N, C-alpha and C. Protein backbone atom coordinates (compact mmCIF):
# COMPACT_ATOMS: atom_id res chain seq x y z
N UNK A 1 247.27 24.72 301.16
CA UNK A 1 246.01 24.31 300.58
C UNK A 1 245.94 22.78 300.58
N UNK A 2 244.77 22.21 300.82
CA UNK A 2 244.61 20.76 300.88
C UNK A 2 244.40 20.17 299.49
N UNK A 3 244.57 18.89 299.40
CA UNK A 3 244.37 18.18 298.14
C UNK A 3 242.93 18.35 297.67
N UNK A 4 241.97 18.23 298.57
CA UNK A 4 240.57 18.37 298.19
C UNK A 4 240.27 19.77 297.67
N UNK A 5 240.87 20.78 298.26
CA UNK A 5 240.69 22.15 297.76
C UNK A 5 241.33 22.29 296.37
N UNK A 6 242.49 21.69 296.20
CA UNK A 6 243.17 21.74 294.91
C UNK A 6 242.34 21.12 293.80
N UNK A 7 241.81 19.93 294.04
CA UNK A 7 241.12 19.23 292.95
C UNK A 7 239.77 19.88 292.61
N UNK A 8 239.22 20.65 293.54
CA UNK A 8 237.98 21.36 293.23
C UNK A 8 238.20 22.42 292.15
N UNK A 9 239.43 22.84 291.97
CA UNK A 9 239.76 23.87 290.98
C UNK A 9 240.11 23.29 289.61
N UNK A 10 240.25 21.98 289.53
CA UNK A 10 240.61 21.35 288.26
C UNK A 10 239.39 21.33 287.35
N UNK A 11 239.65 21.51 286.05
CA UNK A 11 238.53 21.67 285.11
C UNK A 11 238.24 20.45 284.26
N UNK A 12 239.26 19.77 283.79
CA UNK A 12 239.01 18.63 282.92
C UNK A 12 239.92 17.46 283.28
N UNK A 13 239.70 16.35 282.61
CA UNK A 13 240.43 15.13 282.94
C UNK A 13 241.93 15.32 282.86
N UNK A 14 242.38 16.01 281.82
CA UNK A 14 243.82 16.24 281.66
C UNK A 14 244.41 17.00 282.85
N UNK A 15 243.64 17.93 283.41
CA UNK A 15 244.10 18.66 284.60
C UNK A 15 244.32 17.70 285.78
N UNK A 16 243.44 16.74 285.92
CA UNK A 16 243.58 15.76 287.00
C UNK A 16 244.84 14.92 286.81
N UNK A 17 245.07 14.47 285.57
CA UNK A 17 246.27 13.66 285.30
C UNK A 17 247.54 14.47 285.54
N UNK A 18 247.52 15.74 285.18
CA UNK A 18 248.69 16.59 285.41
C UNK A 18 248.89 16.84 286.91
N UNK A 19 247.81 17.12 287.61
CA UNK A 19 247.90 17.38 289.05
C UNK A 19 248.48 16.16 289.79
N UNK A 20 248.02 14.98 289.43
CA UNK A 20 248.48 13.76 290.09
C UNK A 20 249.72 13.16 289.43
N UNK A 21 250.26 13.87 288.46
CA UNK A 21 251.49 13.46 287.77
C UNK A 21 251.40 12.03 287.23
N UNK A 22 250.32 11.77 286.51
CA UNK A 22 250.11 10.46 285.91
C UNK A 22 250.20 10.57 284.39
N UNK A 23 250.91 9.65 283.80
CA UNK A 23 250.97 9.60 282.34
C UNK A 23 249.66 9.00 281.83
N UNK A 24 249.25 9.44 280.66
CA UNK A 24 248.02 8.93 280.07
C UNK A 24 248.10 8.99 278.56
N UNK A 25 247.30 8.18 277.94
CA UNK A 25 247.19 8.16 276.49
C UNK A 25 245.98 9.00 276.12
N UNK A 26 246.22 10.02 275.35
CA UNK A 26 245.13 10.92 274.95
C UNK A 26 244.04 10.17 274.18
N UNK A 27 244.43 9.10 273.48
CA UNK A 27 243.44 8.31 272.73
C UNK A 27 242.47 7.57 273.65
N UNK A 28 242.85 7.40 274.90
CA UNK A 28 241.96 6.79 275.89
C UNK A 28 241.19 7.87 276.63
N UNK A 29 241.88 8.91 277.04
CA UNK A 29 241.25 9.96 277.85
C UNK A 29 240.24 10.77 277.05
N UNK A 30 240.59 11.10 275.84
CA UNK A 30 239.71 11.97 275.06
C UNK A 30 238.29 11.41 274.91
N UNK A 31 238.10 10.17 274.47
CA UNK A 31 236.72 9.69 274.32
C UNK A 31 236.06 9.26 275.64
N UNK A 32 236.87 8.95 276.66
CA UNK A 32 236.31 8.41 277.90
C UNK A 32 236.44 9.35 279.10
N UNK A 33 236.74 10.61 278.84
CA UNK A 33 237.02 11.55 279.93
C UNK A 33 235.94 11.59 281.01
N UNK A 34 234.69 11.68 280.62
CA UNK A 34 233.62 11.74 281.62
C UNK A 34 233.50 10.44 282.40
N UNK A 35 233.69 9.35 281.70
CA UNK A 35 233.60 8.04 282.34
C UNK A 35 234.74 7.83 283.34
N UNK A 36 235.94 8.25 282.94
CA UNK A 36 237.09 8.12 283.84
C UNK A 36 236.89 8.98 285.08
N UNK A 37 236.43 10.21 284.90
CA UNK A 37 236.22 11.09 286.05
C UNK A 37 235.08 10.59 286.94
N UNK A 38 234.06 10.02 286.33
CA UNK A 38 232.96 9.45 287.12
C UNK A 38 233.47 8.27 287.96
N UNK A 39 234.24 7.40 287.32
CA UNK A 39 234.78 6.24 288.05
C UNK A 39 235.74 6.71 289.14
N UNK A 40 236.55 7.72 288.83
CA UNK A 40 237.45 8.31 289.83
C UNK A 40 236.65 8.83 291.01
N UNK A 41 235.55 9.51 290.74
CA UNK A 41 234.75 10.06 291.85
C UNK A 41 234.17 8.95 292.72
N UNK A 42 233.81 7.82 292.11
CA UNK A 42 233.31 6.69 292.89
C UNK A 42 234.41 6.09 293.77
N UNK A 43 235.60 5.92 293.19
CA UNK A 43 236.73 5.41 293.97
C UNK A 43 237.12 6.40 295.06
N UNK A 44 237.08 7.68 294.73
CA UNK A 44 237.44 8.72 295.69
C UNK A 44 236.44 8.74 296.84
N UNK A 45 235.17 8.63 296.53
CA UNK A 45 234.13 8.63 297.57
C UNK A 45 234.35 7.47 298.53
N UNK A 46 234.66 6.31 297.96
CA UNK A 46 234.92 5.13 298.80
C UNK A 46 236.14 5.35 299.69
N UNK A 47 237.20 5.92 299.10
CA UNK A 47 238.42 6.17 299.87
C UNK A 47 238.19 7.21 300.96
N UNK A 48 237.42 8.24 300.65
CA UNK A 48 237.18 9.30 301.63
C UNK A 48 236.26 8.85 302.76
N UNK A 49 235.53 7.75 302.55
CA UNK A 49 234.66 7.25 303.61
C UNK A 49 235.49 6.66 304.76
N UNK A 50 236.74 6.32 304.45
CA UNK A 50 237.66 5.88 305.49
C UNK A 50 238.33 7.12 306.04
N UNK A 51 238.66 7.13 307.28
CA UNK A 51 239.28 8.31 307.88
C UNK A 51 240.74 8.40 307.47
N UNK A 52 240.98 9.14 306.39
CA UNK A 52 242.33 9.27 305.85
C UNK A 52 243.04 10.48 306.44
N UNK A 53 244.33 10.36 306.54
CA UNK A 53 245.13 11.49 307.00
C UNK A 53 245.51 12.33 305.78
N UNK A 54 245.55 13.62 305.95
CA UNK A 54 245.85 14.54 304.85
C UNK A 54 247.18 14.20 304.17
N UNK A 55 248.17 13.78 304.93
CA UNK A 55 249.48 13.49 304.32
C UNK A 55 249.44 12.29 303.38
N UNK A 56 248.46 11.41 303.53
CA UNK A 56 248.31 10.25 302.65
C UNK A 56 247.31 10.48 301.52
N UNK A 57 246.56 11.55 301.62
CA UNK A 57 245.44 11.77 300.71
C UNK A 57 245.87 11.91 299.25
N UNK A 58 246.91 12.65 298.99
CA UNK A 58 247.36 12.83 297.61
C UNK A 58 247.66 11.49 296.96
N UNK A 59 248.42 10.65 297.62
CA UNK A 59 248.81 9.36 297.06
C UNK A 59 247.60 8.44 296.89
N UNK A 60 246.70 8.46 297.84
CA UNK A 60 245.52 7.60 297.75
C UNK A 60 244.62 8.04 296.60
N UNK A 61 244.40 9.34 296.45
CA UNK A 61 243.57 9.83 295.36
C UNK A 61 244.26 9.66 294.01
N UNK A 62 245.57 9.74 294.01
CA UNK A 62 246.34 9.47 292.79
C UNK A 62 246.08 8.03 292.33
N UNK A 63 246.10 7.11 293.28
CA UNK A 63 245.83 5.71 292.97
C UNK A 63 244.39 5.51 292.49
N UNK A 64 243.46 6.28 293.03
CA UNK A 64 242.06 6.20 292.58
C UNK A 64 241.95 6.61 291.11
N UNK A 65 242.62 7.69 290.73
CA UNK A 65 242.57 8.14 289.34
C UNK A 65 243.27 7.13 288.43
N UNK A 66 244.39 6.63 288.88
CA UNK A 66 245.13 5.64 288.09
C UNK A 66 244.26 4.40 287.85
N UNK A 67 243.59 3.96 288.88
CA UNK A 67 242.73 2.78 288.78
C UNK A 67 241.56 3.05 287.83
N UNK A 68 240.96 4.23 287.93
CA UNK A 68 239.84 4.59 287.04
C UNK A 68 240.29 4.60 285.59
N UNK A 69 241.46 5.17 285.34
CA UNK A 69 242.02 5.19 283.98
C UNK A 69 242.28 3.78 283.49
N UNK A 70 242.88 2.96 284.31
CA UNK A 70 243.20 1.59 283.92
C UNK A 70 241.94 0.77 283.65
N UNK A 71 240.84 1.09 284.32
CA UNK A 71 239.58 0.40 284.05
C UNK A 71 239.19 0.54 282.58
N UNK A 72 239.52 1.68 281.98
CA UNK A 72 239.12 1.93 280.59
C UNK A 72 240.19 1.53 279.59
N UNK A 73 241.29 0.99 280.07
CA UNK A 73 242.27 0.41 279.16
C UNK A 73 241.82 -0.98 278.72
N UNK A 74 241.01 -1.61 279.55
CA UNK A 74 240.60 -2.98 279.27
C UNK A 74 239.09 -3.16 279.14
N UNK A 75 238.33 -2.08 279.24
CA UNK A 75 236.88 -2.19 279.09
C UNK A 75 236.34 -0.92 278.44
N UNK A 76 235.04 -0.91 278.22
CA UNK A 76 234.38 0.22 277.57
C UNK A 76 233.39 0.86 278.53
N UNK A 77 232.91 2.04 278.19
CA UNK A 77 231.85 2.65 279.02
C UNK A 77 230.62 1.74 279.14
N UNK A 78 230.31 1.03 278.07
CA UNK A 78 229.18 0.11 278.12
C UNK A 78 229.43 -1.01 279.14
N UNK A 79 230.66 -1.51 279.18
CA UNK A 79 231.00 -2.54 280.16
C UNK A 79 230.90 -2.01 281.59
N UNK A 80 231.32 -0.79 281.80
CA UNK A 80 231.34 -0.20 283.14
C UNK A 80 229.96 0.23 283.62
N UNK A 81 229.09 0.63 282.71
CA UNK A 81 227.71 1.04 283.02
C UNK A 81 227.63 2.08 284.13
N UNK A 82 228.41 3.14 283.98
CA UNK A 82 228.43 4.19 284.99
C UNK A 82 227.26 5.15 284.87
N UNK A 83 226.75 5.29 283.66
CA UNK A 83 225.68 6.24 283.41
C UNK A 83 224.38 5.51 283.07
N UNK A 84 223.30 6.14 283.38
CA UNK A 84 221.98 5.55 283.22
C UNK A 84 221.73 5.06 281.79
N UNK A 85 222.19 5.79 280.81
CA UNK A 85 221.96 5.41 279.42
C UNK A 85 222.53 4.02 279.13
N UNK A 86 223.66 3.69 279.70
CA UNK A 86 224.25 2.36 279.49
C UNK A 86 223.50 1.29 280.27
N UNK A 87 223.05 1.63 281.46
CA UNK A 87 222.28 0.65 282.25
C UNK A 87 220.93 0.39 281.59
N UNK A 88 220.30 1.43 281.03
CA UNK A 88 219.00 1.27 280.39
C UNK A 88 219.08 0.38 279.16
N UNK A 89 220.13 0.52 278.38
CA UNK A 89 220.29 -0.29 277.18
C UNK A 89 220.36 -1.77 277.55
N UNK A 90 221.10 -2.08 278.59
CA UNK A 90 221.20 -3.46 279.04
C UNK A 90 219.83 -3.96 279.47
N UNK A 91 219.09 -3.16 280.21
CA UNK A 91 217.76 -3.55 280.65
C UNK A 91 216.81 -3.78 279.49
N UNK A 92 216.89 -2.95 278.45
CA UNK A 92 216.02 -3.09 277.29
C UNK A 92 216.33 -4.38 276.55
N UNK A 93 217.60 -4.71 276.41
CA UNK A 93 217.97 -5.95 275.73
C UNK A 93 217.48 -7.16 276.53
N UNK A 94 217.58 -7.07 277.82
CA UNK A 94 217.15 -8.18 278.66
C UNK A 94 215.64 -8.38 278.51
N UNK A 95 214.88 -7.29 278.51
CA UNK A 95 213.43 -7.38 278.36
C UNK A 95 213.07 -7.97 277.01
N UNK A 96 213.68 -7.48 275.94
CA UNK A 96 213.33 -7.98 274.61
C UNK A 96 213.70 -9.45 274.47
N UNK A 97 214.79 -9.88 275.06
CA UNK A 97 215.16 -11.29 275.00
C UNK A 97 214.18 -12.14 275.80
N UNK A 98 213.76 -11.62 276.96
CA UNK A 98 212.79 -12.35 277.76
C UNK A 98 211.48 -12.51 277.01
N UNK A 99 211.03 -11.45 276.34
CA UNK A 99 209.79 -11.52 275.59
C UNK A 99 209.90 -12.51 274.44
N UNK A 100 211.04 -12.51 273.78
CA UNK A 100 211.23 -13.43 272.65
C UNK A 100 211.20 -14.87 273.15
N UNK A 101 211.81 -15.13 274.29
CA UNK A 101 211.83 -16.51 274.80
C UNK A 101 210.44 -16.96 275.23
N UNK A 102 209.57 -16.03 275.55
CA UNK A 102 208.19 -16.35 275.93
C UNK A 102 207.28 -16.48 274.72
N UNK A 103 207.85 -16.28 273.52
CA UNK A 103 207.05 -16.41 272.32
C UNK A 103 206.39 -15.11 271.86
N UNK A 104 206.71 -13.96 272.49
CA UNK A 104 206.10 -12.70 272.13
C UNK A 104 206.81 -12.01 270.97
N UNK A 105 208.09 -12.28 270.79
CA UNK A 105 208.83 -11.61 269.72
C UNK A 105 208.74 -12.42 268.45
N UNK A 106 208.73 -11.73 267.31
CA UNK A 106 208.69 -12.43 266.04
C UNK A 106 209.99 -12.21 265.32
N UNK A 107 210.47 -13.23 264.65
CA UNK A 107 211.68 -13.10 263.84
C UNK A 107 211.37 -12.22 262.65
N UNK A 108 212.29 -11.35 262.31
CA UNK A 108 212.10 -10.46 261.16
C UNK A 108 212.96 -10.92 260.02
């Protein structure tokens, strides 16, 4: 069975860490699981766009997951802006600040 077939059967973030034999802190994975997996999928997509050999695939995808996890050791989901809700909040703040600088906002 190939690595890609294997990972399609994994259900949650902890399964991915176990499959790739990576240590993790549950205090990081538990609140950021969706964000870590989303970032992993972005790194994986980039890696798969290169013509990789199957024998290297496990190690390369392992590094993708490790990198995604490490991204959340030093930043937050808001910093990463992987999901629309985080990108929208930044856009709303930018708009309200722009309006205030133009004299449209009032101090409360």
